[in-house]
Amino acid sequence: MRMRIGIMGGMFDPVHLGHTTVARNACDFLDLDHVRLVPCGVPNHRDLTLCSAEQRLDMLQLATRDHTRLVVDDREVRRAGTSYTVDTLSELQAEFPGSDLYFILGSDAFSTLDRWHRWRQLFELCHFIVIRRPGFSDSPGADLEEAVKGRRVTDRARLFAAQSGLVFQMPGLDSPMSSSLVRQRIDSNQPLDNLLDPAVAHYLRQHQLYRNAVTH
């Protein structure tokens, strides 16, 4: 059977329980061999991170320490220059020949896909697994809407039968969490219960990240 590999990109600034919950549930629902969490090194279209790449990697390692099918992938941090998803997927396709790649992202991020570097090529490299994001805008532009016509599927059998190019909305994984919410709570000294892995929360306090102190 072909390997099924999930990929979750992003800033992970910081990683929160929404990230790991989605990754773990996607593993189970799609019977993935593993999910690779790939922190962005140099973003193309977003502000710089508040934490260093090393700190974000440290937190990811802590958050995934007990989950054998979650793999921290540092290739975008190691790669020189701007981080582009198309380069990451091309590398993974070469590293895991004969595997199917499933790129997992929120509906808000997917709606901006037509602003990504060489975005049309992405459909040749992976399937898109879209997670609905309550409270976030997710209206795609005309170019993207045209591009996904005929690509949306609701049946896993159809998804698994194709090597790439389909768009599948994951049911039952609505995730209102965000790294910005975590940072806002830290900044306003609000509780972080149910948002962070305890080891990540401890790391934030220990290194006084985002604020002088982090409280529970």
Protein backbone atom coordinates (compact mmCIF):
# COMPACT_ATOMS: atom_id res chain seq x y z
CA MET A 1 0.00 0.00 0.00
CA ARG A 2 1.21 3.51 -0.78
CA MET A 3 2.42 5.53 2.19
CA ARG A 4 0.15 8.39 3.22
CA ILE A 5 2.04 11.34 4.67
CA GLY A 6 0.39 14.38 6.20
CA ILE A 7 2.08 17.79 6.18
CA MET A 8 1.21 20.74 8.40
CA GLY A 9 3.09 23.96 7.74
CA GLY A 10 2.92 27.26 9.57
CA MET A 11 4.72 29.55 11.94
CA PHE A 12 3.90 27.59 15.13
CA ASP A 13 4.48 30.79 17.09
CA PRO A 14 3.70 29.08 19.44
CA VAL A 15 2.45 25.56 18.76
CA HIS A 16 -0.86 24.97 20.57
CA LEU A 17 -3.20 22.06 21.25
CA GLY A 18 -5.26 22.88 18.17
CA HIS A 19 -2.25 22.03 15.99
CA THR A 20 -1.55 18.68 17.63
CA THR A 21 -5.22 17.70 17.94
CA VAL A 22 -5.83 18.29 14.24
CA ALA A 23 -2.67 16.39 13.31
CA ARG A 24 -3.53 13.40 15.51
CA ASN A 25 -7.15 13.24 14.34
CA ALA A 26 -6.07 13.51 10.71
CA CYS A 27 -3.71 10.58 11.29
CA ASP A 28 -6.59 8.47 12.55
CA PHE A 29 -9.30 9.58 10.13
CA LEU A 30 -7.13 9.35 7.01
CA ASP A 31 -5.02 6.42 8.22
CA LEU A 32 -1.83 8.43 7.69
CA ASP A 33 1.54 6.86 8.36
CA HIS A 34 2.59 10.11 10.02
CA VAL A 35 2.13 13.88 9.94
CA ARG A 36 5.15 16.13 9.47
CA LEU A 37 4.92 19.49 11.24
CA VAL A 38 7.04 21.91 9.20
CA PRO A 39 7.70 25.30 10.82
CA CYS A 40 8.26 28.09 8.32
CA GLY A 41 11.77 29.49 8.22
CA VAL A 42 11.45 32.79 6.33
CA PRO A 43 7.82 33.67 5.52
CA ASN A 44 6.89 35.11 2.14
CA HIS A 45 3.67 36.92 3.02
CA ARG A 46 3.50 37.30 6.80
CA ASP A 47 5.20 39.24 9.55
CA LEU A 48 8.32 37.80 11.11
CA THR A 49 7.86 35.48 14.08
CA LEU A 50 8.21 36.67 17.65
CA CYS A 51 10.23 33.59 18.66
CA SER A 52 13.38 32.31 17.01
CA ALA A 53 13.31 29.26 14.77
CA GLU A 54 15.21 27.30 17.43
CA GLN A 55 12.61 28.17 20.08
CA ARG A 56 9.73 27.21 17.80
CA LEU A 57 11.44 23.89 17.07
CA ASP A 58 12.02 23.29 20.78
CA MET A 59 8.33 23.85 21.50
CA LEU A 60 7.28 21.54 18.67
CA GLN A 61 9.52 18.80 20.02
CA LEU A 62 7.93 19.21 23.46
CA ALA A 63 4.38 19.22 22.07
CA THR A 64 4.91 16.04 20.02
CA ARG A 65 7.09 14.09 22.45
CA ASP A 66 4.35 11.56 23.29
CA HIS A 67 2.91 11.21 19.78
CA THR A 68 4.87 8.74 17.68
CA ARG A 69 3.13 9.63 14.41
CA LEU A 70 3.85 13.36 14.69
CA VAL A 71 7.24 14.26 13.22
CA VAL A 72 8.95 17.64 13.55
CA ASP A 73 10.50 18.52 10.19
CA ASP A 74 13.02 21.39 10.24
CA ARG A 75 13.76 21.57 6.50
CA GLU A 76 12.31 25.07 5.99
CA VAL A 77 14.31 26.40 8.94
CA ARG A 78 17.50 24.87 7.50
CA ARG A 79 16.79 25.95 3.93
CA ALA A 80 18.26 29.30 2.93
CA GLY A 81 15.95 32.00 1.61
CA THR A 82 12.19 32.36 1.64
CA SER A 83 10.19 29.28 2.62
CA TYR A 84 7.88 28.10 -0.15
CA THR A 85 5.45 25.21 0.27
CA VAL A 86 5.99 24.11 -3.32
CA ASP A 87 9.68 23.51 -2.57
CA THR A 88 8.90 21.56 0.59
CA LEU A 89 6.37 19.32 -1.16
CA SER A 90 8.73 18.74 -4.08
CA GLU A 91 11.45 17.65 -1.66
CA LEU A 92 9.11 15.33 0.20
CA GLN A 93 7.88 13.80 -3.04
CA ALA A 94 11.50 13.04 -3.95
CA GLU A 95 12.29 11.67 -0.48
CA PHE A 96 9.23 9.43 -0.32
CA PRO A 97 8.68 8.24 -3.91
CA GLY A 98 5.41 6.47 -4.45
CA SER A 99 3.81 8.13 -1.42
CA ASP A 100 0.69 10.32 -1.33
CA LEU A 101 1.05 13.70 0.36
CA TYR A 102 -1.84 15.29 2.28
CA PHE A 103 -1.37 18.97 3.05
CA ILE A 104 -3.45 19.89 6.11
CA LEU A 105 -4.48 23.52 6.59
CA GLY A 106 -7.26 25.73 7.87
CA SER A 107 -10.02 26.96 5.59
CA ASP A 108 -8.79 30.53 6.15
CA ALA A 109 -5.33 29.65 4.82
CA PHE A 110 -6.75 27.61 1.94
CA SER A 111 -8.85 30.57 0.82
CA THR A 112 -5.60 32.51 0.17
CA LEU A 113 -3.94 29.69 -1.78
CA ASP A 114 -3.97 31.69 -5.02
CA ARG A 115 -1.49 34.12 -3.42
CA TRP A 116 1.05 31.38 -2.73
CA HIS A 117 4.19 30.90 -4.80
CA ARG A 118 3.51 28.64 -7.84
CA TRP A 119 0.22 27.70 -6.26
CA ARG A 120 -1.24 25.84 -9.21
CA GLN A 121 1.68 23.39 -9.11
CA LEU A 122 0.66 22.37 -5.58
CA PHE A 123 -2.28 20.39 -6.97
CA GLU A 124 0.24 18.20 -8.79
CA LEU A 125 2.08 17.45 -5.55
CA CYS A 126 -0.54 16.84 -2.87
CA HIS A 127 -4.13 16.57 -1.77
CA PHE A 128 -5.49 19.40 0.39
CA ILE A 129 -7.15 18.49 3.69
CA VAL A 130 -9.10 21.56 4.80
CA ILE A 131 -10.11 22.22 8.42
CA ARG A 132 -12.98 24.64 8.94
CA ARG A 133 -11.97 27.66 11.05
CA PRO A 134 -14.96 29.22 12.85
CA GLY A 135 -14.69 32.97 13.07
CA PHE A 136 -12.12 33.27 10.27
CA SER A 137 -12.73 34.49 6.74
CA ASP A 138 -12.60 31.66 4.22
CA SER A 139 -14.03 33.05 0.98
CA PRO A 140 -11.75 32.08 -1.93
CA GLY A 141 -11.18 34.38 -4.87
CA ALA A 142 -12.45 33.69 -8.38
CA ASP A 143 -9.16 32.14 -9.61
CA LEU A 144 -8.99 29.67 -6.75
CA GLU A 145 -12.69 28.84 -6.96
CA GLU A 146 -12.25 28.05 -10.65
CA ALA A 147 -9.15 25.96 -9.93
CA VAL A 148 -10.88 23.73 -7.38
CA LYS A 149 -13.93 23.00 -9.54
CA GLY A 150 -14.23 19.25 -9.80
CA ARG A 151 -11.54 18.72 -7.17
CA ARG A 152 -13.69 18.74 -4.03
CA VAL A 153 -14.53 15.26 -2.74
CA THR A 154 -16.40 14.06 0.33
CA ASP A 155 -15.64 10.36 0.04
CA ARG A 156 -12.38 8.99 1.45
CA ALA A 157 -12.34 6.18 -1.11
CA ARG A 158 -12.20 8.74 -3.94
CA LEU A 159 -9.51 10.64 -2.09
CA PHE A 160 -7.36 7.57 -1.57
CA ALA A 161 -7.78 6.44 -5.18
CA ALA A 162 -6.09 9.57 -6.54
CA GLN A 163 -2.43 10.42 -6.07
CA SER A 164 -2.89 14.20 -5.78
CA GLY A 165 -5.01 17.18 -6.71
CA LEU A 166 -8.15 16.74 -4.61
CA VAL A 167 -9.65 18.93 -1.86
CA PHE A 168 -11.24 17.21 1.13
CA GLN A 169 -12.86 18.99 4.08
CA MET A 170 -12.16 17.11 7.28
CA PRO A 171 -15.36 16.61 9.28
CA GLY A 172 -15.62 17.13 13.00
CA LEU A 173 -12.35 18.99 13.50
CA ASP A 174 -13.48 22.60 13.71
CA SER A 175 -10.65 24.45 15.45
CA PRO A 176 -11.12 27.99 16.80
CA MET A 177 -7.66 27.99 18.41
CA SER A 178 -4.86 30.12 16.99
CA SER A 179 -1.36 31.16 17.96
CA SER A 180 -2.52 34.79 17.95
CA LEU A 181 -5.14 33.89 20.59
CA VAL A 182 -2.41 32.35 22.74
CA ARG A 183 -0.24 35.46 22.37
CA GLN A 184 -3.16 37.74 23.21
CA ARG A 185 -3.90 35.77 26.37
CA ILE A 186 -0.28 35.91 27.43
CA ASP A 187 -0.13 39.63 26.74
CA SER A 188 -3.26 40.27 28.83
CA ASN A 189 -2.20 37.82 31.56
CA GLN A 190 -5.18 35.51 30.97
CA PRO A 191 -5.23 31.74 31.67
CA LEU A 192 -3.84 29.39 29.04
CA ASP A 193 -5.85 26.37 30.14
CA ASN A 194 -6.74 23.99 27.29
CA LEU A 195 -4.62 25.93 24.81
CA LEU A 196 -1.07 24.67 25.35
CA ASP A 197 0.68 21.42 26.19
CA PRO A 198 1.91 21.83 29.80
CA ALA A 199 5.52 21.36 28.70
CA VAL A 200 5.14 24.15 26.12
CA ALA A 201 3.56 26.45 28.72
CA HIS A 202 6.48 25.73 31.05
CA TYR A 203 8.93 26.50 28.23
CA LEU A 204 7.23 29.85 27.63
CA ARG A 205 7.49 30.74 31.31
CA GLN A 206 11.07 29.53 31.57
CA HIS A 207 12.22 31.63 28.61
CA GLN A 208 9.81 34.52 29.26
CA LEU A 209 8.49 34.43 25.71
CA TYR A 210 5.80 36.78 24.39
CA ARG A 211 5.70 38.48 27.79
CA ASN A 212 7.82 38.69 30.95
CA ALA A 213 5.87 35.82 32.47
CA VAL A 214 3.23 33.28 31.50
CA THR A 215 0.53 32.39 33.99
CA HIS A 216 -1.94 29.51 34.10
